């Protein structure tokens, strides 16, 4: 029984270490992605304002919006892949 408790405690410490390292790497990536996303939004907004000021063709505006939506979906897909990878690592560690 004592061996089991000792092994369980050691396993919990290892898992906690893995979770902390995953959280740290996730935070760093999220910060980088957030800065990149903010920069892209600012650029898109400035381009959109310039287009409105120039009284441009509505098709141009719609294409820009579509491109922005596509980029947002790519970012969401990357985040989902990252979360799925993290879940797989945790599941593997429990196995």
PDB file of N, CA and C in Angstrom:
ATOM      1  N   UNK A   1       0.826  -1.181   0.000  1.00  0.00           N
ATOM      2  CA  UNK A   1       0.000   0.000   0.000  1.00  0.00           C
ATOM      3  C   UNK A   1       0.882   1.261   0.000  1.00  0.00           C
ATOM      4  N   UNK A   2       1.943   1.225   0.786  1.00  0.00           N
ATOM      5  CA  UNK A   2       2.839   2.379   0.867  1.00  0.00           C
ATOM      6  C   UNK A   2       3.530   2.613  -0.472  1.00  0.00           C
ATOM      7  N   UNK A   3       3.919   1.516  -1.145  1.00  0.00           N
ATOM      8  CA  UNK A   3       4.546   1.646  -2.464  1.00  0.00           C
ATOM      9  C   UNK A   3       3.580   2.292  -3.456  1.00  0.00           C
ATOM     10  N   UNK A   4       2.339   1.852  -3.383  1.00  0.00           N
ATOM     11  CA  UNK A   4       1.328   2.408  -4.278  1.00  0.00           C
ATOM     12  C   UNK A   4       1.157   3.905  -4.051  1.00  0.00           C
ATOM     13  N   UNK A   5       1.040   4.328  -2.806  1.00  0.00           N
ATOM     14  CA  UNK A   5       0.896   5.745  -2.484  1.00  0.00           C
ATOM     15  C   UNK A   5       2.109   6.545  -2.953  1.00  0.00           C
ATOM     16  N   UNK A   6       3.300   5.992  -2.746  1.00  0.00           N
ATOM     17  CA  UNK A   6       4.526   6.670  -3.159  1.00  0.00           C
ATOM     18  C   UNK A   6       4.561   6.830  -4.688  1.00  0.00           C
ATOM     19  N   UNK A   7       4.202   5.770  -5.385  1.00  0.00           N
ATOM     20  CA  UNK A   7       4.179   5.804  -6.857  1.00  0.00           C
ATOM     21  C   UNK A   7       3.122   6.803  -7.358  1.00  0.00           C
ATOM     22  N   UNK A   8       1.981   6.794  -6.697  1.00  0.00           N
ATOM     23  CA  UNK A   8       0.906   7.731  -7.073  1.00  0.00           C
ATOM     24  C   UNK A   8       1.353   9.169  -6.874  1.00  0.00           C
ATOM     25  N   UNK A   9       1.985   9.485  -5.781  1.00  0.00           N
ATOM     26  CA  UNK A   9       2.465  10.837  -5.511  1.00  0.00           C
ATOM     27  C   UNK A   9       3.514  11.261  -6.535  1.00  0.00           C
ATOM     28  N   UNK A  10       4.423  10.340  -6.867  1.00  0.00           N
ATOM     29  CA  UNK A  10       5.444  10.650  -7.866  1.00  0.00           C
ATOM     30  C   UNK A  10       4.812  10.917  -9.225  1.00  0.00           C
ATOM     31  N   UNK A  11       3.830  10.108  -9.577  1.00  0.00           N
ATOM     32  CA  UNK A  11       3.120  10.294 -10.845  1.00  0.00           C
ATOM     33  C   UNK A  11       2.406  11.645 -10.879  1.00  0.00           C
ATOM     34  N   UNK A  12       1.754  12.022  -9.787  1.00  0.00           N
ATOM     35  CA  UNK A  12       1.062  13.311  -9.714  1.00  0.00           C
ATOM     36  C   UNK A  12       2.029  14.477  -9.897  1.00  0.00           C
ATOM     37  N   UNK A  13       3.216  14.378  -9.315  1.00  0.00           N
ATOM     38  CA  UNK A  13       4.224  15.430  -9.445  1.00  0.00           C
ATOM     39  C   UNK A  13       4.677  15.549 -10.906  1.00  0.00           C
ATOM     40  N   UNK A  14       4.883  14.423 -11.551  1.00  0.00           N
ATOM     41  CA  UNK A  14       5.314  14.432 -12.958  1.00  0.00           C
ATOM     42  C   UNK A  14       4.238  15.058 -13.830  1.00  0.00           C
ATOM     43  N   UNK A  15       2.999  14.662 -13.632  1.00  0.00           N
ATOM     44  CA  UNK A  15       1.888  15.200 -14.429  1.00  0.00           C
ATOM     45  C   UNK A  15       1.742  16.701 -14.197  1.00  0.00           C
ATOM     46  N   UNK A  16       1.873  17.132 -12.966  1.00  0.00           N
ATOM     47  CA  UNK A  16       1.774  18.554 -12.663  1.00  0.00           C
ATOM     48  C   UNK A  16       2.879  19.326 -13.370  1.00  0.00           C
ATOM     49  N   UNK A  17       4.067  18.769 -13.405  1.00  0.00           N
ATOM     50  CA  UNK A  17       5.176  19.403 -14.123  1.00  0.00           C
ATOM     51  C   UNK A  17       4.873  19.528 -15.606  1.00  0.00           C
ATOM     52  N   UNK A  18       4.325  18.461 -16.202  1.00  0.00           N
ATOM     53  CA  UNK A  18       3.948  18.517 -17.619  1.00  0.00           C
ATOM     54  C   UNK A  18       2.883  19.580 -17.865  1.00  0.00           C
ATOM     55  N   UNK A  19       1.887  19.619 -16.999  1.00  0.00           N
ATOM     56  CA  UNK A  19       0.819  20.610 -17.160  1.00  0.00           C
ATOM     57  C   UNK A  19       1.353  22.037 -17.063  1.00  0.00           C
ATOM     58  N   UNK A  20       2.276  22.266 -16.137  1.00  0.00           N
ATOM     59  CA  UNK A  20       2.851  23.605 -15.989  1.00  0.00           C
ATOM     60  C   UNK A  20       3.657  23.993 -17.224  1.00  0.00           C
ATOM     61  N   UNK A  21       4.432  23.054 -17.750  1.00  0.00           N
ATOM     62  CA  UNK A  21       5.225  23.375 -18.937  1.00  0.00           C
ATOM     63  C   UNK A  21       4.329  23.613 -20.142  1.00  0.00           C
ATOM     64  N   UNK A  22       3.249  22.859 -20.258  1.00  0.00           N
ATOM     65  CA  UNK A  22       2.294  23.099 -21.340  1.00  0.00           C
ATOM     66  C   UNK A  22       1.634  24.462 -21.198  1.00  0.00           C
ATOM     67  N   UNK A  23       1.273  24.827 -19.981  1.00  0.00           N
ATOM     68  CA  UNK A  23       0.634  26.116 -19.754  1.00  0.00           C
ATOM     69  C   UNK A  23       1.581  27.265 -20.095  1.00  0.00           C
ATOM     70  N   UNK A  24       2.855  27.117 -19.707  1.00  0.00           N
ATOM     71  CA  UNK A  24       3.831  28.167 -20.003  1.00  0.00           C
ATOM     72  C   UNK A  24       4.039  28.324 -21.500  1.00  0.00           C
ATOM     73  N   UNK A  25       4.197  27.214 -22.208  1.00  0.00           N
ATOM     74  CA  UNK A  25       4.407  27.312 -23.656  1.00  0.00           C
ATOM     75  C   UNK A  25       3.149  27.833 -24.334  1.00  0.00           C
ATOM     76  N   UNK A  26       1.995  27.459 -23.843  1.00  0.00           N
ATOM     77  CA  UNK A  26       0.735  27.956 -24.401  1.00  0.00           C
ATOM     78  C   UNK A  26       0.572  29.447 -24.198  1.00  0.00           C
ATOM     79  N   UNK A  27       0.977  29.949 -23.021  1.00  0.00           N
ATOM     80  CA  UNK A  27       0.875  31.381 -22.752  1.00  0.00           C
ATOM     81  C   UNK A  27       1.800  32.179 -23.661  1.00  0.00           C
ATOM     82  N   UNK A  28       3.021  31.663 -23.865  1.00  0.00           N
ATOM     83  CA  UNK A  28       3.954  32.370 -24.740  1.00  0.00           C
ATOM     84  C   UNK A  28       3.424  32.425 -26.165  1.00  0.00           C
ATOM     85  N   UNK A  29       2.896  31.317 -26.649  1.00  0.00           N
ATOM     86  CA  UNK A  29       2.344  31.278 -27.996  1.00  0.00           C
ATOM     87  C   UNK A  29       1.113  32.169 -28.099  1.00  0.00           C
ATOM     88  N   UNK A  30       0.269  32.153 -27.064  1.00  0.00           N
ATOM     89  CA  UNK A  30      -0.930  32.982 -27.093  1.00  0.00           C
ATOM     90  C   UNK A  30      -0.567  34.462 -27.113  1.00  0.00           C
ATOM     91  N   UNK A  31       0.458  34.861 -26.336  1.00  0.00           N
ATOM     92  CA  UNK A  31       0.886  36.255 -26.336  1.00  0.00           C
ATOM     93  C   UNK A  31       1.390  36.662 -27.712  1.00  0.00           C
ATOM     94  N   UNK A  32       2.189  35.807 -28.322  1.00  0.00           N
ATOM     95  CA  UNK A  32       2.713  36.093 -29.659  1.00  0.00           C
ATOM     96  C   UNK A  32       1.572  36.170 -30.668  1.00  0.00           C
ATOM     97  N   UNK A  33       0.650  35.199 -30.601  1.00  0.00           N
ATOM     98  CA  UNK A  33      -0.479  35.187 -31.523  1.00  0.00           C
ATOM     99  C   UNK A  33      -1.378  36.402 -31.318  1.00  0.00           C
ATOM    100  N   UNK A  34      -1.564  36.811 -30.065  1.00  0.00           N
ATOM    101  CA  UNK A  34      -2.406  37.971 -29.782  1.00  0.00           C
ATOM    102  C   UNK A  34      -1.787  39.245 -30.355  1.00  0.00           C
ATOM    103  N   UNK A  35      -0.463  39.407 -30.193  1.00  0.00           N
ATOM    104  CA  UNK A  35       0.202  40.587 -30.742  1.00  0.00           C
ATOM    105  C   UNK A  35       0.106  40.595 -32.260  1.00  0.00           C
ATOM    106  N   UNK A  36       0.307  39.443 -32.866  1.00  0.00           N
ATOM    107  CA  UNK A  36       0.226  39.325 -34.314  1.00  0.00           C
ATOM    108  C   UNK A  36      -1.193  39.629 -34.789  1.00  0.00           C
ATOM    109  N   UNK A  37      -2.149  39.105 -34.087  1.00  0.00           N
ATOM    110  CA  UNK A  37      -3.553  39.323 -34.440  1.00  0.00           C
ATOM    111  C   UNK A  37      -3.928  40.796 -34.301  1.00  0.00           C
ATOM    112  N   UNK A  38      -3.473  41.451 -33.239  1.00  0.00           N
ATOM    113  CA  UNK A  38      -3.751  42.874 -33.051  1.00  0.00           C
ATOM    114  C   UNK A  38      -3.138  43.704 -34.177  1.00  0.00           C
ATOM    115  N   UNK A  39      -1.920  43.365 -34.565  1.00  0.00           N
ATOM    116  CA  UNK A  39      -1.254  44.093 -35.636  1.00  0.00           C
ATOM    117  C   UNK A  39      -2.011  43.917 -36.950  1.00  0.00           C
ATOM    118  N   UNK A  40      -2.443  42.694 -37.230  1.00  0.00           N
ATOM    119  CA  UNK A  40      -3.189  42.440 -38.455  1.00  0.00           C
ATOM    120  C   UNK A  40      -4.522  43.178 -38.451  1.00  0.00           C
ATOM    121  N   UNK A  41      -5.181  43.237 -37.293  1.00  0.00           N
ATOM    122  CA  UNK A  41      -6.447  43.979 -37.192  1.00  0.00           C
ATOM    123  C   UNK A  41      -6.238  45.467 -37.453  1.00  0.00           C
ATOM    124  N   UNK A  42      -5.183  46.008 -36.861  1.00  0.00           N
ATOM    125  CA  UNK A  42      -4.902  47.430 -37.075  1.00  0.00           C
ATOM    126  C   UNK A  42      -4.648  47.715 -38.551  1.00  0.00           C
ATOM    127  N   UNK A  43      -3.877  46.852 -39.194  1.00  0.00           N
ATOM    128  CA  UNK A  43      -3.612  47.031 -40.618  1.00  0.00           C
ATOM    129  C   UNK A  43      -4.893  46.921 -41.430  1.00  0.00           C
ATOM    130  N   UNK A  44      -5.720  45.950 -41.101  1.00  0.00           N
ATOM    131  CA  UNK A  44      -6.973  45.765 -41.831  1.00  0.00           C
ATOM    132  C   UNK A  44      -7.904  46.960 -41.629  1.00  0.00           C
ATOM    133  N   UNK A  45      -7.963  47.453 -40.388  1.00  0.00           N
ATOM    134  CA  UNK A  45      -8.820  48.603 -40.105  1.00  0.00           C
ATOM    135  C   UNK A  45      -8.334  49.850 -40.832  1.00  0.00           C
ATOM    136  N   UNK A  46      -7.027  50.056 -40.864  1.00  0.00           N
ATOM    137  CA  UNK A  46      -6.508  51.229 -41.563  1.00  0.00           C
ATOM    138  C   UNK A  46      -6.765  51.128 -43.060  1.00  0.00           C
ATOM    139  N   UNK A  47      -6.630  49.924 -43.610  1.00  0.00           N
ATOM    140  CA  UNK A  47      -6.924  49.738 -45.029  1.00  0.00           C
ATOM    141  C   UNK A  47      -8.408  49.952 -45.305  1.00  0.00           C
ATOM    142  N   UNK A  48      -9.243  49.466 -44.401  1.00  0.00           N
ATOM    143  CA  UNK A  48     -10.684  49.627 -44.585  1.00  0.00           C
ATOM    144  C   UNK A  48     -11.079  51.097 -44.499  1.00  0.00           C
ATOM    145  N   UNK A  49     -10.478  51.830 -43.571  1.00  0.00           N
ATOM    146  CA  UNK A  49     -10.761  53.264 -43.469  1.00  0.00           C
ATOM    147  C   UNK A  49     -10.312  54.010 -44.716  1.00  0.00           C
ATOM    148  N   UNK A  50      -9.156  53.621 -45.234  1.00  0.00           N
ATOM    149  CA  UNK A  50      -8.659  54.243 -46.457  1.00  0.00           C
ATOM    150  C   UNK A  50      -9.601  53.948 -47.618  1.00  0.00           C
ATOM    151  N   UNK A  51     -10.113  52.742 -47.661  1.00  0.00           N
ATOM    152  CA  UNK A  51     -11.030  52.374 -48.736  1.00  0.00           C
ATOM    153  C   UNK A  51     -12.333  53.164 -48.634  1.00  0.00           C
ATOM    154  N   UNK A  52     -12.821  53.362 -47.440  1.00  0.00           N
ATOM    155  CA  UNK A  52     -14.055  54.142 -47.262  1.00  0.00           C
ATOM    156  C   UNK A  52     -13.832  55.599 -47.637  1.00  0.00           C
ATOM    157  N   UNK A  53     -12.681  56.096 -47.280  1.00  0.00           N
ATOM    158  CA  UNK A  53     -12.386  57.498 -47.588  1.00  0.00           C
ATOM    159  C   UNK A  53     -12.290  57.724 -49.089  1.00  0.00           C
ATOM    160  N   UNK A  54     -11.809  56.736 -49.790  1.00  0.00           N
ATOM    161  CA  UNK A  54     -11.647  56.862 -51.230  1.00  0.00           C
ATOM    162  C   UNK A  54     -12.930  56.535 -51.978  1.00  0.00           C
ATOM    163  N   UNK A  55     -13.986  56.151 -51.289  1.00  0.00           N
ATOM    164  CA  UNK A  55     -15.258  55.769 -51.917  1.00  0.00           C
ATOM    165  C   UNK A  55     -15.034  54.654 -52.928  1.00  0.00           C
ATOM    166  N   UNK A  56     -14.351  53.617 -52.472  1.00  0.00           N
ATOM    167  CA  UNK A  56     -13.979  52.523 -53.361  1.00  0.00           C
ATOM    168  C   UNK A  56     -15.176  51.627 -53.668  1.00  0.00           C
ATOM    169  N   UNK A  57     -14.932  50.723 -54.562  1.00  0.00           N
ATOM    170  CA  UNK A  57     -15.927  49.775 -55.017  1.00  0.00           C
ATOM    171  C   UNK A  57     -16.347  48.866 -53.860  1.00  0.00           C
ATOM    172  N   UNK A  58     -17.650  48.598 -53.683  1.00  0.00           N
ATOM    173  CA  UNK A  58     -18.093  47.708 -52.591  1.00  0.00           C
ATOM    174  C   UNK A  58     -17.507  46.300 -52.694  1.00  0.00           C
ATOM    175  N   UNK A  59     -17.199  45.854 -53.901  1.00  0.00           N
ATOM    176  CA  UNK A  59     -16.607  44.522 -54.066  1.00  0.00           C
ATOM    177  C   UNK A  59     -15.240  44.440 -53.407  1.00  0.00           C
ATOM    178  N   UNK A  60     -14.501  45.527 -53.456  1.00  0.00           N
ATOM    179  CA  UNK A  60     -13.173  45.548 -52.835  1.00  0.00           C
ATOM    180  C   UNK A  60     -13.316  45.392 -51.318  1.00  0.00           C
ATOM    181  N   UNK A  61     -14.267  46.097 -50.767  1.00  0.00           N
ATOM    182  CA  UNK A  61     -14.492  46.026 -49.317  1.00  0.00           C
ATOM    183  C   UNK A  61     -14.912  44.606 -48.935  1.00  0.00           C
ATOM    184  N   UNK A  62     -15.807  44.015 -49.713  1.00  0.00           N
ATOM    185  CA  UNK A  62     -16.267  42.661 -49.409  1.00  0.00           C
ATOM    186  C   UNK A  62     -15.125  41.648 -49.520  1.00  0.00           C
ATOM    187  N   UNK A  63     -14.245  41.836 -50.494  1.00  0.00           N
ATOM    188  CA  UNK A  63     -13.094  40.937 -50.619  1.00  0.00           C
ATOM    189  C   UNK A  63     -12.180  41.066 -49.423  1.00  0.00           C
ATOM    190  N   UNK A  64     -11.988  42.280 -48.954  1.00  0.00           N
ATOM    191  CA  UNK A  64     -11.141  42.482 -47.771  1.00  0.00           C
ATOM    192  C   UNK A  64     -11.753  41.832 -46.543  1.00  0.00           C
ATOM    193  N   UNK A  65     -13.059  41.978 -46.394  1.00  0.00           N
ATOM    194  CA  UNK A  65     -13.738  41.346 -45.261  1.00  0.00           C
ATOM    195  C   UNK A  65     -13.607  39.833 -45.341  1.00  0.00           C
ATOM    196  N   UNK A  66     -13.780  39.297 -46.546  1.00  0.00           N
ATOM    197  CA  UNK A  66     -13.645  37.860 -46.730  1.00  0.00           C
ATOM    198  C   UNK A  66     -12.239  37.396 -46.356  1.00  0.00           C
ATOM    199  N   UNK A  67     -11.234  38.134 -46.789  1.00  0.00           N
ATOM    200  CA  UNK A  67      -9.843  37.778 -46.455  1.00  0.00           C
ATOM    201  C   UNK A  67      -9.610  37.819 -44.956  1.00  0.00           C
ATOM    202  N   UNK A  68     -10.195  38.810 -44.297  1.00  0.00           N
ATOM    203  CA  UNK A  68     -10.044  38.916 -42.843  1.00  0.00           C
ATOM    204  C   UNK A  68     -10.707  37.725 -42.157  1.00  0.00           C
ATOM    205  N   UNK A  69     -11.875  37.327 -42.635  1.00  0.00           N
ATOM    206  CA  UNK A  69     -12.569  36.174 -42.053  1.00  0.00           C
ATOM    207  C   UNK A  69     -11.758  34.900 -42.279  1.00  0.00           C
ATOM    208  N   UNK A  70     -11.197  34.768 -43.461  1.00  0.00           N
ATOM    209  CA  UNK A  70     -10.376  33.594 -43.755  1.00  0.00           C
ATOM    210  C   UNK A  70      -9.179  33.533 -42.815  1.00  0.00           C
ATOM    211  N   UNK A  71      -8.527  34.668 -42.589  1.00  0.00           N
ATOM    212  CA  UNK A  71      -7.379  34.710 -41.679  1.00  0.00           C
ATOM    213  C   UNK A  71      -7.794  34.349 -40.256  1.00  0.00           C
ATOM    214  N   UNK A  72      -8.949  34.857 -39.833  1.00  0.00           N
ATOM    215  CA  UNK A  72      -9.439  34.542 -38.492  1.00  0.00           C
ATOM    216  C   UNK A  72      -9.683  33.043 -38.353  1.00  0.00           C
ATOM    217  N   UNK A  73     -10.258  32.448 -39.389  1.00  0.00           N
ATOM    218  CA  UNK A  73     -10.512  31.004 -39.351  1.00  0.00           C
ATOM    219  C   UNK A  73      -9.212  30.218 -39.306  1.00  0.00           C
ATOM    220  N   UNK A  74      -8.187  30.685 -40.005  1.00  0.00           N
ATOM    221  CA  UNK A  74      -6.890  30.006 -39.959  1.00  0.00           C
ATOM    222  C   UNK A  74      -6.329  30.049 -38.548  1.00  0.00           C
ATOM    223  N   UNK A  75      -6.461  31.203 -37.890  1.00  0.00           N
ATOM    224  CA  UNK A  75      -5.954  31.327 -36.519  1.00  0.00           C
ATOM    225  C   UNK A  75      -6.722  30.397 -35.580  1.00  0.00           C
ATOM    226  N   UNK A  76      -8.032  30.339 -35.754  1.00  0.00           N
ATOM    227  CA  UNK A  76      -8.836  29.454 -34.912  1.00  0.00           C
ATOM    228  C   UNK A  76      -8.463  28.001 -35.141  1.00  0.00           C
ATOM    229  N   UNK A  77      -8.196  27.637 -36.381  1.00  0.00           N
ATOM    230  CA  UNK A  77      -7.801  26.264 -36.704  1.00  0.00           C
ATOM    231  C   UNK A  77      -6.474  25.937 -36.022  1.00  0.00           C
ATOM    232  N   UNK A  78      -5.537  26.884 -36.036  1.00  0.00           N
ATOM    233  CA  UNK A  78      -4.251  26.656 -35.377  1.00  0.00           C
ATOM    234  C   UNK A  78      -4.433  26.454 -33.875  1.00  0.00           C
ATOM    235  N   UNK A  79      -5.305  27.283 -33.269  1.00  0.00           N
ATOM    236  CA  UNK A  79      -5.552  27.145 -31.833  1.00  0.00           C
ATOM    237  C   UNK A  79      -6.186  25.794 -31.511  1.00  0.00           C
ATOM    238  N   UNK A  80      -7.143  25.376 -32.341  1.00  0.00           N
ATOM    239  CA  UNK A  80      -7.783  24.086 -32.106  1.00  0.00           C
ATOM    240  C   UNK A  80      -6.762  22.954 -32.223  1.00  0.00           C
ATOM    241  N   UNK A  81      -5.878  23.031 -33.210  1.00  0.00           N
ATOM    242  CA  UNK A  81      -4.840  22.015 -33.348  1.00  0.00           C
ATOM    243  C   UNK A  81      -3.939  21.986 -32.123  1.00  0.00           C
ATOM    244  N   UNK A  82      -3.618  23.167 -31.603  1.00  0.00           N
ATOM    245  CA  UNK A  82      -2.765  23.244 -30.419  1.00  0.00           C
ATOM    246  C   UNK A  82      -3.476  22.622 -29.210  1.00  0.00           C
ATOM    247  N   UNK A  83      -4.755  22.941 -29.030  1.00  0.00           N
ATOM    248  CA  UNK A  83      -5.498  22.381 -27.901  1.00  0.00           C
ATOM    249  C   UNK A  83      -5.617  20.863 -28.025  1.00  0.00           C
ATOM    250  N   UNK A  84      -5.877  20.369 -29.231  1.00  0.00           N
ATOM    251  CA  UNK A  84      -5.979  18.927 -29.426  1.00  0.00           C
ATOM    252  C   UNK A  84      -4.646  18.241 -29.137  1.00  0.00           C
ATOM    253  N   UNK A  85      -3.558  18.894 -29.529  1.00  0.00           N
ATOM    254  CA  UNK A  85      -2.231  18.338 -29.250  1.00  0.00           C
ATOM    255  C   UNK A  85      -2.004  18.254 -27.739  1.00  0.00           C
ATOM    256  N   UNK A  86      -2.379  19.315 -27.025  1.00  0.00           N
ATOM    257  CA  UNK A  86      -2.223  19.326 -25.568  1.00  0.00           C
ATOM    258  C   UNK A  86      -3.056  18.228 -24.918  1.00  0.00           C
ATOM    259  N   UNK A  87      -4.276  18.034 -25.404  1.00  0.00           N
ATOM    260  CA  UNK A  87      -5.143  16.997 -24.849  1.00  0.00           C
ATOM    261  C   UNK A  87      -4.528  15.623 -25.093  1.00  0.00           C
ATOM    262  N   UNK A  88      -3.985  15.415 -26.280  1.00  0.00           N
ATOM    263  CA  UNK A  88      -3.359  14.125 -26.599  1.00  0.00           C
ATOM    264  C   UNK A  88      -2.167  13.859 -25.681  1.00  0.00           C
ATOM    265  N   UNK A  89      -1.367  14.893 -25.421  1.00  0.00           N
ATOM    266  CA  UNK A  89      -0.214  14.726 -24.534  1.00  0.00           C
ATOM    267  C   UNK A  89      -0.685  14.327 -23.138  1.00  0.00           C
ATOM    268  N   UNK A  90      -1.720  14.971 -22.669  1.00  0.00           N
ATOM    269  CA  UNK A  90      -2.224  14.658 -21.329  1.00  0.00           C
ATOM    270  C   UNK A  90      -2.798  13.233 -21.300  1.00  0.00           C
ATOM    271  N   UNK A  91      -3.559  12.877 -22.347  1.00  0.00           N
ATOM    272  CA  UNK A  91      -4.109  11.519 -22.398  1.00  0.00           C
ATOM    273  C   UNK A  91      -2.983  10.489 -22.441  1.00  0.00           C
ATOM    274  N   UNK A  92      -1.969  10.743 -23.230  1.00  0.00           N
ATOM    275  CA  UNK A  92      -0.838   9.816 -23.306  1.00  0.00           C
ATOM    276  C   UNK A  92      -0.140   9.681 -21.961  1.00  0.00           C
ATOM    277  N   UNK A  93      -0.041  10.801 -21.259  1.00  0.00           N
ATOM    278  CA  UNK A  93       0.644  10.741 -19.964  1.00  0.00           C
ATOM    279  C   UNK A  93      -0.166   9.905 -18.960  1.00  0.00           C
ATOM    280  N   UNK A  94      -1.491   9.938 -19.065  1.00  0.00           N
ATOM    281  CA  UNK A  94      -2.295   9.130 -18.160  1.00  0.00           C
ATOM    282  C   UNK A  94      -2.255   7.649 -18.552  1.00  0.00           C
ATOM    283  N   UNK A  95      -2.115   7.406 -19.850  1.00  0.00           N
ATOM    284  CA  UNK A  95      -2.021   6.006 -20.294  1.00  0.00           C
ATOM    285  C   UNK A  95      -0.710   5.408 -19.812  1.00  0.00           C
TER     286      UNK A  95
END
